[in-house]
């Protein structure tokens, strides 16, 4: 049974407002109550916010000293960290997840890159088996192999393939129900049918690494695709005569657009554009690879050498020229901080983009993604600049750090 904890004296970031001097009571791994002094708070003194009454009896009291309490972040798109790659098997998954957790990501989707079908099916099966009982993981994301060669990014062109019913069944079956997201370029032969099939199977069809124009992308969203894989990156550019995937997603209510808000993949003004055209439908993601939380150097991703310099990952080239961007070294705490400081987003909106919106995409917002009574107590203690100081997962501290 999880301990009983009462957080007081800080700013509590709820899905609608920041509560100054707010308090949160955690019991049995759940958020039991949320409030502010002087607002009919049960279990705390109405004037001071100090614990009182039977609800607070036996609680560990955490005085936040002007710091913030945030919901745990949920990353829809991440490939690794701290030298660990999710395509590298169980050890790589564990290393990467633990590194991101220290930066506030309490739940993740494990993303796998394009590989030949046999290898990809084996990786899916292995990853699904490893994370089957891991509460940190909410499913798998297949970023490939049904992608456009024109917009492939780091993905191996030799392994890209047009989708078919048999191939999709094989990959979904390999995951045994663990595959939650499949990125598809809908303009490929069989692409729109693939979207329908993925959605019918209960998974999320994402449009990405695509050269689709507006009409094709709109058709995919009409067939149930509900996510855009790293918006603007790996797709036909937004054009005034053919707004392509971005324009179609803008017009398709309910479609969420991923944003890699590291200042490299997207200019802050581009993130502002996304927020303006799709309010409440932007999900901050990292698309982080093994170099995140690990430093500059040489790495491998999708079978390609990747050189990381100044925190920017690019495909290594023989002549030393600047190669294509190859994932990121971003963590979600930094993405949220940049959203506030560089993009100009409201703190609540920025936090929601890394927590509630991803939870809504995965249809787990009844349990995760916000500080609301009855939800799982995934909570972050952060300073006023957004640096994560301690992480609570389902009511338990995730490591030795305490606020």
Protein backbone atom coordinates (compact mmCIF):
# COMPACT_ATOMS: atom_id res chain seq x y z
CA UNK A 1 0.00 0.00 0.00
CA UNK A 2 1.37 3.43 -0.93
CA UNK A 3 2.07 5.98 1.75
CA UNK A 4 -0.19 8.90 2.49
CA UNK A 5 1.28 12.24 1.40
CA UNK A 6 0.02 15.80 1.76
CA UNK A 7 1.59 18.45 -0.48
CA UNK A 8 1.11 22.04 0.71
CA UNK A 9 2.46 25.53 0.20
CA UNK A 10 3.13 25.54 -3.52
CA UNK A 11 1.53 26.18 -6.89
CA UNK A 12 -0.59 23.25 -8.05
CA UNK A 13 -0.99 23.09 -11.84
CA UNK A 14 -4.44 21.66 -12.58
CA UNK A 15 -5.84 21.14 -16.11
CA UNK A 16 -7.62 24.51 -15.99
CA UNK A 17 -5.81 26.79 -13.54
CA UNK A 18 -2.75 27.19 -11.34
CA UNK A 19 -3.76 27.04 -7.67
CA UNK A 20 -1.49 29.34 -5.59
CA UNK A 21 -0.89 27.89 -2.15
CA UNK A 22 -2.67 24.74 -3.32
CA UNK A 23 -2.62 21.39 -1.61
CA UNK A 24 -2.94 17.81 -2.82
CA UNK A 25 -3.62 14.75 -0.70
CA UNK A 26 -2.36 11.41 -2.01
CA UNK A 27 -3.60 8.14 -0.56
CA UNK A 28 -3.25 4.54 -1.74
CA UNK A 29 -1.55 5.67 -4.93
CA UNK A 30 -4.37 7.99 -5.98
CA UNK A 31 -5.05 11.70 -5.75
CA UNK A 32 -7.57 11.79 -2.90
CA UNK A 33 -8.30 15.53 -2.82
CA UNK A 34 -7.15 18.85 -4.28
CA UNK A 35 -7.77 22.33 -2.96
CA UNK A 36 -6.57 25.74 -1.81
CA UNK A 37 -6.63 27.43 1.62
CA UNK A 38 -9.82 29.30 2.33
CA UNK A 39 -11.86 27.43 -0.27
CA UNK A 40 -13.59 24.87 1.86
CA UNK A 41 -10.57 22.60 2.00
CA UNK A 42 -11.23 19.31 3.76
CA UNK A 43 -8.38 17.96 5.86
CA UNK A 44 -6.33 21.19 6.01
CA UNK A 45 -6.62 24.39 7.96
CA UNK A 46 -8.69 26.84 5.86
CA UNK A 47 -6.48 29.80 6.71
CA UNK A 48 -2.95 28.39 6.54
CA UNK A 49 -3.21 25.30 4.40
CA UNK A 50 -1.57 23.26 7.15
CA UNK A 51 -2.86 19.69 7.61
CA UNK A 52 -5.66 19.12 10.06
CA UNK A 53 -8.46 16.64 10.60
CA UNK A 54 -8.61 12.91 10.02
CA UNK A 55 -7.79 13.03 6.31
CA UNK A 56 -4.28 14.27 7.04
CA UNK A 57 -3.61 11.95 9.97
CA UNK A 58 -0.46 9.93 9.40
CA UNK A 59 0.42 11.74 6.18
CA UNK A 60 3.93 12.62 5.14
CA UNK A 61 3.71 16.40 4.80
CA UNK A 62 5.65 17.97 1.94
CA UNK A 63 5.94 21.76 2.14
CA UNK A 64 6.67 22.84 -1.41
CA UNK A 65 8.19 26.18 -0.34
CA UNK A 66 6.86 28.07 -3.34
CA UNK A 67 7.66 25.31 -5.83
CA UNK A 68 5.21 23.74 -8.24
CA UNK A 69 3.35 20.47 -8.33
CA UNK A 70 2.75 19.19 -11.87
CA UNK A 71 1.14 16.07 -13.30
CA UNK A 72 3.54 13.42 -14.58
CA UNK A 73 4.38 13.79 -18.26
CA UNK A 74 3.37 11.27 -20.94
CA UNK A 75 5.61 10.91 -24.01
CA UNK A 76 3.85 9.63 -27.12
CA UNK A 77 7.03 9.42 -29.18
CA UNK A 78 10.43 8.46 -27.75
CA UNK A 79 13.19 6.07 -28.88
CA UNK A 80 15.64 6.04 -25.97
CA UNK A 81 18.03 7.95 -23.71
CA UNK A 82 21.20 7.65 -21.60
CA UNK A 83 22.85 5.47 -24.23
CA UNK A 84 19.91 3.07 -24.35
CA UNK A 85 17.92 2.52 -27.55
CA UNK A 86 14.43 1.03 -27.49
CA UNK A 87 15.30 -0.93 -30.63
CA UNK A 88 18.16 -2.53 -28.71
CA UNK A 89 16.04 -4.75 -26.50
CA UNK A 90 15.16 -4.95 -22.81
CA UNK A 91 18.24 -3.25 -21.39
CA UNK A 92 17.96 -0.32 -23.77
CA UNK A 93 14.28 0.12 -22.92
CA UNK A 94 14.92 0.10 -19.18
CA UNK A 95 17.85 2.52 -19.41
CA UNK A 96 15.95 4.96 -21.60
CA UNK A 97 12.75 4.91 -19.56
CA UNK A 98 14.60 5.47 -16.30
CA UNK A 99 16.50 8.44 -17.73
CA UNK A 100 13.33 10.10 -18.98
CA UNK A 101 11.56 9.45 -15.69
CA UNK A 102 14.16 11.58 -13.89
CA UNK A 103 13.01 14.40 -16.17
CA UNK A 104 9.34 13.96 -15.35
CA UNK A 105 8.08 11.39 -17.87
CA UNK A 106 6.08 8.96 -15.75
CA UNK A 107 4.37 7.07 -18.61
CA UNK A 108 5.62 6.47 -22.15
CA UNK A 109 4.93 4.95 -25.50
CA UNK A 110 7.95 2.92 -26.67
CA UNK A 111 8.71 3.89 -30.27
CA UNK A 112 10.43 1.50 -32.69
CA UNK A 113 12.01 2.56 -35.98
CA UNK A 114 11.76 0.99 -39.42
CA UNK A 115 13.50 -2.34 -39.98
CA UNK A 116 13.01 -5.27 -42.36
CA UNK A 117 9.69 -6.95 -41.62
CA UNK A 118 11.14 -10.06 -39.99
CA UNK A 119 13.42 -8.04 -37.75
CA UNK A 120 10.69 -5.54 -36.94
CA UNK A 121 8.23 -8.28 -35.99
CA UNK A 122 10.86 -9.81 -33.71
CA UNK A 123 11.58 -6.45 -32.06
CA UNK A 124 7.89 -5.78 -31.56
CA UNK A 125 7.36 -9.18 -29.96
CA UNK A 126 10.40 -8.77 -27.71
CA UNK A 127 9.51 -5.24 -26.63
CA UNK A 128 5.87 -6.15 -25.99
CA UNK A 129 6.89 -9.11 -23.84
CA UNK A 130 9.34 -7.01 -21.86
CA UNK A 131 6.93 -4.15 -21.11
CA UNK A 132 3.81 -6.27 -20.61
CA UNK A 133 3.88 -5.74 -16.85
CA UNK A 134 5.76 -2.44 -16.83
CA UNK A 135 3.49 0.36 -15.59
CA UNK A 136 5.83 2.96 -17.14
CA UNK A 137 4.78 1.86 -20.62
CA UNK A 138 1.37 2.51 -22.19
CA UNK A 139 2.10 0.67 -25.44
CA UNK A 140 4.29 0.59 -28.52
CA UNK A 141 4.56 2.95 -31.49
CA UNK A 142 5.61 1.62 -34.89
CA UNK A 143 7.31 4.46 -36.74
CA UNK A 144 7.51 2.53 -39.97
CA UNK A 145 7.88 0.64 -42.18
CA UNK A 146 4.90 2.16 -44.07
CA UNK A 147 6.57 5.52 -44.76
CA UNK A 148 7.31 7.67 -47.80
CA UNK A 149 10.82 7.34 -49.17
CA UNK A 150 10.68 11.04 -50.06
CA UNK A 151 10.05 11.98 -46.41
CA UNK A 152 11.83 9.11 -44.67
CA UNK A 153 14.28 11.10 -42.54
CA UNK A 154 16.61 8.62 -40.80
CA UNK A 155 14.55 5.55 -41.73
CA UNK A 156 16.28 2.91 -43.89
CA UNK A 157 14.95 3.23 -47.45
CA UNK A 158 15.68 -0.44 -48.11
CA UNK A 159 13.25 -1.44 -45.35
CA UNK A 160 10.37 0.83 -46.35
CA UNK A 161 7.40 -1.00 -47.83
CA UNK A 162 3.84 -0.36 -48.95
CA UNK A 163 1.28 -1.59 -46.42
CA UNK A 164 -0.91 -4.61 -46.95
CA UNK A 165 -3.51 -6.28 -44.76
CA UNK A 166 -1.23 -9.27 -44.17
CA UNK A 167 1.77 -7.15 -43.18
CA UNK A 168 -0.23 -5.00 -40.80
CA UNK A 169 -1.81 -8.08 -39.21
CA UNK A 170 1.62 -9.60 -38.76
CA UNK A 171 3.05 -6.57 -36.98
CA UNK A 172 0.00 -6.01 -34.81
CA UNK A 173 -0.12 -9.70 -33.90
CA UNK A 174 3.57 -9.61 -32.97
CA UNK A 175 2.71 -7.05 -30.32
CA UNK A 176 -0.11 -9.11 -28.85
CA UNK A 177 -2.26 -6.03 -28.33
CA UNK A 178 0.61 -3.78 -27.20
CA UNK A 179 0.83 -1.72 -30.40
CA UNK A 180 -1.02 1.52 -29.69
CA UNK A 181 0.22 3.77 -32.53
CA UNK A 182 1.19 3.06 -36.14
CA UNK A 183 2.59 5.84 -38.33
CA UNK A 184 1.43 5.56 -41.94
CA UNK A 185 2.04 7.62 -45.08
CA UNK A 186 -1.51 7.51 -46.48
CA UNK A 187 -0.49 8.31 -50.07
CA UNK A 188 1.26 4.94 -50.44
CA UNK A 189 -0.50 2.15 -52.32
CA UNK A 190 -2.80 0.69 -49.71
CA UNK A 191 -2.14 3.60 -47.34
CA UNK A 192 -5.74 4.64 -46.76
CA UNK A 193 -6.81 1.02 -46.33
CA UNK A 194 -4.00 0.68 -43.79
CA UNK A 195 -5.38 3.60 -41.79
CA UNK A 196 -8.79 1.93 -41.73
CA UNK A 197 -7.28 -1.40 -40.68
CA UNK A 198 -5.18 0.07 -37.87
CA UNK A 199 -8.15 1.98 -36.48
CA UNK A 200 -10.45 -1.05 -36.77
CA UNK A 201 -7.90 -3.04 -34.78
CA UNK A 202 -8.20 -0.57 -31.90
CA UNK A 203 -4.86 1.16 -32.46
CA UNK A 204 -4.15 4.79 -33.33
CA UNK A 205 -3.31 5.60 -36.93
CA UNK A 206 -0.87 8.50 -37.16
CA UNK A 207 -0.07 10.36 -40.36
CA UNK A 208 3.64 11.02 -40.74
CA UNK A 209 6.78 10.69 -42.85
CA UNK A 210 4.37 11.48 -45.64
CA UNK A 211 4.33 13.34 -48.94
CA UNK A 212 0.53 13.45 -48.90
CA UNK A 213 -1.27 16.53 -50.10
CA UNK A 214 -4.27 18.06 -48.38
CA UNK A 215 -6.94 15.84 -49.96
CA UNK A 216 -5.15 12.56 -49.22
CA UNK A 217 -4.36 13.58 -45.65
CA UNK A 218 -7.95 14.75 -45.13
CA UNK A 219 -9.16 11.37 -46.37
CA UNK A 220 -6.92 9.63 -43.84
CA UNK A 221 -8.31 11.74 -41.01
CA UNK A 222 -11.81 11.06 -42.28
CA UNK A 223 -11.08 7.34 -41.99
CA UNK A 224 -10.08 7.70 -38.35
CA UNK A 225 -6.41 8.72 -38.25
CA UNK A 226 -6.18 10.90 -35.15
CA UNK A 227 -2.53 11.88 -34.73
CA UNK A 228 0.20 13.64 -36.71
CA UNK A 229 3.69 12.26 -36.15
CA UNK A 230 6.10 15.14 -35.32
CA UNK A 231 4.21 17.88 -37.16
CA UNK A 232 6.10 19.68 -39.95
CA UNK A 233 9.01 17.23 -39.74
CA UNK A 234 9.06 14.40 -42.29
CA UNK A 235 6.18 15.67 -44.41
CA UNK A 236 5.32 17.88 -47.38
CA UNK A 237 5.63 21.51 -46.28
CA UNK A 238 2.62 23.70 -45.59
CA UNK A 239 1.92 25.61 -48.81
CA UNK A 240 -0.68 28.26 -49.52
CA UNK A 241 -2.13 26.27 -52.44
CA UNK A 242 -1.72 22.87 -50.82
CA UNK A 243 -1.60 23.00 -47.03
CA UNK A 244 -0.88 19.24 -47.03
CA UNK A 245 -0.94 17.23 -43.77
CA UNK A 246 -0.80 20.27 -41.47
CA UNK A 247 -3.73 21.97 -43.18
CA UNK A 248 -5.80 18.80 -43.19
CA UNK A 249 -5.08 18.21 -39.51
CA UNK A 250 -5.98 21.80 -38.73
CA UNK A 251 -9.40 21.24 -40.30
CA UNK A 252 -9.98 17.81 -38.73
CA UNK A 253 -11.35 18.41 -35.26
CA UNK A 254 -9.94 16.02 -32.69
CA UNK A 255 -6.71 15.31 -34.55
CA UNK A 256 -3.67 15.91 -32.31
CA UNK A 257 -0.36 17.18 -33.66
CA UNK A 258 2.93 16.12 -32.08
CA UNK A 259 5.51 18.89 -31.62
CA UNK A 260 9.23 18.38 -30.95
CA UNK A 261 9.77 21.66 -29.12
CA UNK A 262 13.57 21.67 -28.90
CA UNK A 263 14.24 24.78 -30.99
CA UNK A 264 15.88 22.58 -33.64
CA UNK A 265 13.00 20.63 -35.17
CA UNK A 266 10.60 23.58 -34.89
CA UNK A 267 11.08 27.32 -34.60
CA UNK A 268 9.15 28.80 -31.63
CA UNK A 269 6.97 30.72 -34.11
CA UNK A 270 6.02 27.41 -35.74
CA UNK A 271 4.91 26.03 -32.38
CA UNK A 272 2.89 29.22 -31.87
CA UNK A 273 1.26 28.56 -35.24
CA UNK A 274 0.34 25.02 -34.19
CA UNK A 275 -1.14 26.29 -30.96
CA UNK A 276 -3.16 28.90 -32.84
CA UNK A 277 -4.59 26.59 -35.51
CA UNK A 278 -5.14 23.62 -33.20
CA UNK A 279 -5.77 24.90 -29.67
CA UNK A 280 -5.75 22.10 -27.13
CA UNK A 281 -4.59 19.64 -29.81
CA UNK A 282 -0.80 19.95 -29.57
CA UNK A 283 1.11 17.17 -27.80
CA UNK A 284 4.69 17.85 -26.80
CA UNK A 285 6.90 14.85 -27.57
CA UNK A 286 10.65 14.27 -27.44
CA UNK A 287 11.39 11.86 -30.32
CA UNK A 288 14.52 11.38 -28.20
CA UNK A 289 17.17 8.88 -29.18
CA UNK A 290 19.98 7.28 -27.18
CA UNK A 291 22.00 10.50 -26.89
CA UNK A 292 19.36 12.20 -24.71
CA UNK A 293 20.72 12.61 -21.16
CA UNK A 294 24.04 11.19 -22.40
CA UNK A 295 26.03 13.86 -24.23
CA UNK A 296 27.59 14.49 -27.61
CA UNK A 297 29.27 11.73 -29.60
CA UNK A 298 28.67 9.01 -32.14
CA UNK A 299 25.52 6.88 -31.91
CA UNK A 300 23.45 4.57 -34.09
CA UNK A 301 19.79 4.91 -35.02
CA UNK A 302 17.85 2.82 -37.52
CA UNK A 303 21.11 1.27 -38.69
CA UNK A 304 22.69 4.65 -39.50
CA UNK A 305 25.55 6.39 -37.77
CA UNK A 306 24.39 9.52 -35.97
CA UNK A 307 26.68 12.33 -34.86
CA UNK A 308 25.48 14.40 -31.93
CA UNK A 309 27.08 17.80 -31.54
CA UNK A 310 25.82 20.58 -29.30
CA UNK A 311 22.87 18.34 -28.42
CA UNK A 312 21.73 18.15 -32.06
CA UNK A 313 21.55 14.68 -33.62
CA UNK A 314 22.21 14.35 -37.36
CA UNK A 315 22.98 11.49 -39.72
CA UNK A 316 26.75 11.17 -39.91
CA UNK A 317 28.20 11.87 -43.35
CA UNK A 318 31.52 10.73 -44.80
CA UNK A 319 32.48 14.22 -45.96
CA UNK A 320 31.55 15.87 -42.69
CA UNK A 321 28.69 17.86 -44.20
CA UNK A 322 25.52 18.48 -42.23
CA UNK A 323 23.24 15.45 -42.43
CA UNK A 324 19.51 15.19 -41.81
CA UNK A 325 18.18 15.57 -38.28
CA UNK A 326 18.03 12.14 -36.64
CA UNK A 327 15.78 12.28 -33.60
CA UNK A 328 16.45 14.60 -30.66
CA UNK A 329 18.15 14.82 -27.28
CA UNK A 330 15.10 16.48 -25.74
CA UNK A 331 13.38 15.68 -22.45
CA UNK A 332 9.80 16.72 -21.71
CA UNK A 333 10.69 19.02 -18.82
CA UNK A 334 12.79 21.06 -21.23
CA UNK A 335 10.02 20.96 -23.86
CA UNK A 336 7.54 22.38 -21.35
CA UNK A 337 9.96 25.05 -20.14
CA UNK A 338 10.67 26.12 -23.73
CA UNK A 339 6.93 26.21 -24.44
CA UNK A 340 6.50 28.78 -21.68
CA UNK A 341 9.70 30.79 -22.09
CA UNK A 342 10.32 30.72 -25.86
CA UNK A 343 6.91 29.97 -27.36
CA UNK A 344 4.93 32.05 -24.90
CA UNK A 345 2.40 29.40 -23.93
CA UNK A 346 0.45 29.70 -20.73
CA UNK A 347 1.85 27.36 -18.04
CA UNK A 348 -1.38 25.37 -17.86
CA UNK A 349 -1.49 24.88 -21.64
CA UNK A 350 2.17 23.90 -21.78
CA UNK A 351 1.79 21.33 -19.02
CA UNK A 352 -1.41 19.96 -20.55
CA UNK A 353 0.43 19.50 -23.86
CA UNK A 354 2.87 17.14 -22.12
CA UNK A 355 0.35 15.35 -19.91
CA UNK A 356 -3.41 15.66 -20.45
CA UNK A 357 -3.39 15.88 -24.26
CA UNK A 358 -1.24 12.72 -24.67
CA UNK A 359 -3.46 10.95 -22.14
CA UNK A 360 -6.51 11.92 -24.19
CA UNK A 361 -4.87 10.61 -27.38
CA UNK A 362 -4.35 7.24 -25.68
CA UNK A 363 -7.79 7.37 -24.02
CA UNK A 364 -6.27 6.98 -20.56
CA UNK A 365 -7.17 10.47 -19.31
CA UNK A 366 -9.55 8.93 -16.80
CA UNK A 367 -6.44 7.66 -14.95
CA UNK A 368 -3.51 9.82 -15.98
CA UNK A 369 -2.52 13.24 -17.24
CA UNK A 370 -3.80 15.76 -14.71
CA UNK A 371 -4.04 16.62 -11.04
CA UNK A 372 -7.65 15.71 -10.43
CA UNK A 373 -9.19 13.80 -7.54
CA UNK A 374 -9.47 10.09 -8.27
CA UNK A 375 -6.63 9.89 -10.79
CA UNK A 376 -3.35 8.02 -10.34
CA UNK A 377 -0.87 10.05 -8.27
CA UNK A 378 1.79 10.64 -10.93
CA UNK A 379 3.19 13.95 -9.71
CA UNK A 380 6.27 16.10 -10.24
CA UNK A 381 7.83 18.56 -7.82
CA UNK A 382 9.49 21.27 -9.91
CA UNK A 383 11.11 24.61 -9.23
CA UNK A 384 9.73 27.85 -10.64
CA UNK A 385 11.82 27.37 -13.79
CA UNK A 386 10.38 23.90 -14.44
CA UNK A 387 13.40 21.84 -13.36
CA UNK A 388 12.15 18.53 -11.94
CA UNK A 389 13.31 17.92 -8.38
CA UNK A 390 11.34 14.80 -7.45
CA UNK A 391 8.98 12.35 -9.14
CA UNK A 392 6.06 10.52 -7.55
CA UNK A 393 4.63 7.56 -9.48
CA UNK A 394 1.35 6.03 -8.32
CA UNK A 395 2.01 7.46 -4.88
CA UNK A 396 5.61 6.23 -4.53
CA UNK A 397 8.83 8.18 -4.97
CA UNK A 398 10.56 6.96 -8.11
CA UNK A 399 14.13 7.27 -6.83
CA UNK A 400 16.16 8.58 -3.92
CA UNK A 401 15.28 12.23 -4.56
CA UNK A 402 12.84 13.88 -2.17
CA UNK A 403 11.51 17.44 -2.17
